């Protein structure tokens, strides 16, 4: 993919938003090894290299990043379905990762 194409620029922008901290963003858990967490919606309140902590209306839940699928709403209001494997690692390490081809 050539970096000067419109699609490539859009993907780079999305990756830039996700490579930085995702705390404070709305999230929905679409696929999870723990079936009772599927469909849970809330706000990301913290993250570690392997876990995301989500504040829901009822309680705070922690979920592993790897192996799960999330819908995250970026600050511009756009929603993206993200494989948790892409989010693994701390934001400061994630920003150094090479963008994967989506």
Protein backbone atom coordinates (compact mmCIF):
# COMPACT_ATOMS: atom_id res chain seq x y z
CA UNK A 1 0.00 0.00 0.00
CA UNK A 2 1.45 3.33 -1.00
CA UNK A 3 1.56 5.80 1.90
CA UNK A 4 0.25 8.68 -0.21
CA UNK A 5 -3.09 7.04 -1.04
CA UNK A 6 -6.26 8.18 0.72
CA UNK A 7 -6.88 4.75 2.21
CA UNK A 8 -3.32 4.51 3.53
CA UNK A 9 -3.56 7.98 5.12
CA UNK A 10 -6.83 6.99 6.82
CA UNK A 11 -5.31 3.77 8.18
CA UNK A 12 -2.25 5.66 9.42
CA UNK A 13 -4.50 8.15 11.23
CA UNK A 14 -6.52 5.37 12.85
CA UNK A 15 -3.35 3.55 13.89
CA UNK A 16 -1.97 6.81 15.29
CA UNK A 17 -5.10 7.23 17.42
CA UNK A 18 -4.94 3.63 18.64
CA UNK A 19 -1.20 3.60 19.19
CA UNK A 20 -1.55 6.36 21.76
CA UNK A 21 -3.50 5.93 24.97
CA UNK A 22 -7.04 4.63 24.53
CA UNK A 23 -8.11 5.65 28.04
CA UNK A 24 -11.34 7.62 28.10
CA UNK A 25 -12.68 6.15 24.85
CA UNK A 26 -16.07 4.37 24.65
CA UNK A 27 -15.77 0.63 24.08
CA UNK A 28 -18.01 -2.36 23.44
CA UNK A 29 -16.82 -5.94 23.87
CA UNK A 30 -17.91 -7.82 20.74
CA UNK A 31 -16.15 -11.17 21.18
CA UNK A 32 -14.72 -12.51 24.38
CA UNK A 33 -13.59 -15.84 25.77
CA UNK A 34 -15.74 -14.97 28.78
CA UNK A 35 -19.22 -15.03 27.18
CA UNK A 36 -20.84 -13.02 30.00
CA UNK A 37 -18.70 -10.02 28.98
CA UNK A 38 -19.81 -10.04 25.32
CA UNK A 39 -21.95 -7.00 24.61
CA UNK A 40 -20.70 -5.05 27.63
CA UNK A 41 -20.36 -1.33 26.91
CA UNK A 42 -18.51 1.30 28.86
CA UNK A 43 -15.54 3.64 28.98
CA UNK A 44 -11.92 2.59 29.11
CA UNK A 45 -10.56 3.80 32.44
CA UNK A 46 -7.10 2.22 32.32
CA UNK A 47 -4.94 -0.22 30.43
CA UNK A 48 -1.89 -2.30 31.05
CA UNK A 49 0.13 -4.20 28.48
CA UNK A 50 -2.31 -7.11 28.53
CA UNK A 51 -5.54 -5.83 30.08
CA UNK A 52 -8.18 -3.14 29.59
CA UNK A 53 -10.27 -1.91 32.51
CA UNK A 54 -13.76 -0.76 31.50
CA UNK A 55 -16.21 1.25 33.61
CA UNK A 56 -19.79 0.20 32.91
CA UNK A 57 -23.00 1.53 34.47
CA UNK A 58 -22.94 -1.29 37.04
CA UNK A 59 -19.27 -2.01 37.78
CA UNK A 60 -15.70 -1.96 36.55
CA UNK A 61 -14.55 -5.00 34.55
CA UNK A 62 -11.10 -6.06 33.43
CA UNK A 63 -10.65 -7.90 30.17
CA UNK A 64 -7.63 -9.35 28.45
CA UNK A 65 -6.68 -7.68 25.16
CA UNK A 66 -5.37 -10.75 23.32
CA UNK A 67 -7.94 -13.02 21.75
CA UNK A 68 -10.86 -10.62 22.12
CA UNK A 69 -12.58 -8.21 19.72
CA UNK A 70 -13.68 -4.68 20.61
CA UNK A 71 -15.58 -1.82 19.02
CA UNK A 72 -13.86 1.41 20.01
CA UNK A 73 -15.14 4.90 19.31
CA UNK A 74 -12.32 7.34 18.56
CA UNK A 75 -12.38 10.98 19.61
CA UNK A 76 -13.71 12.05 16.19
CA UNK A 77 -16.81 9.86 16.71
CA UNK A 78 -15.83 7.11 14.27
CA UNK A 79 -16.24 3.48 15.39
CA UNK A 80 -13.75 0.74 14.60
CA UNK A 81 -13.76 -2.98 15.26
CA UNK A 82 -10.35 -3.89 16.61
CA UNK A 83 -8.76 -7.24 17.34
CA UNK A 84 -7.30 -7.03 20.83
CA UNK A 85 -4.04 -8.54 19.60
CA UNK A 86 -3.36 -5.25 17.79
CA UNK A 87 -3.75 -3.36 21.08
CA UNK A 88 -1.44 -5.58 23.09
CA UNK A 89 1.40 -3.77 24.78
CA UNK A 90 1.57 -0.42 26.50
CA UNK A 91 0.81 2.71 24.47
CA UNK A 92 4.43 3.81 24.57
CA UNK A 93 5.48 0.45 23.10
CA UNK A 94 2.52 0.25 20.70
CA UNK A 95 3.46 3.49 18.99
CA UNK A 96 6.79 1.92 17.97
CA UNK A 97 5.09 -1.09 16.36
CA UNK A 98 4.86 -1.19 12.64
CA UNK A 99 1.31 -0.78 11.39
CA UNK A 100 -0.14 -4.07 10.28
CA UNK A 101 -1.94 -4.36 6.96
CA UNK A 102 -5.68 -4.36 7.64
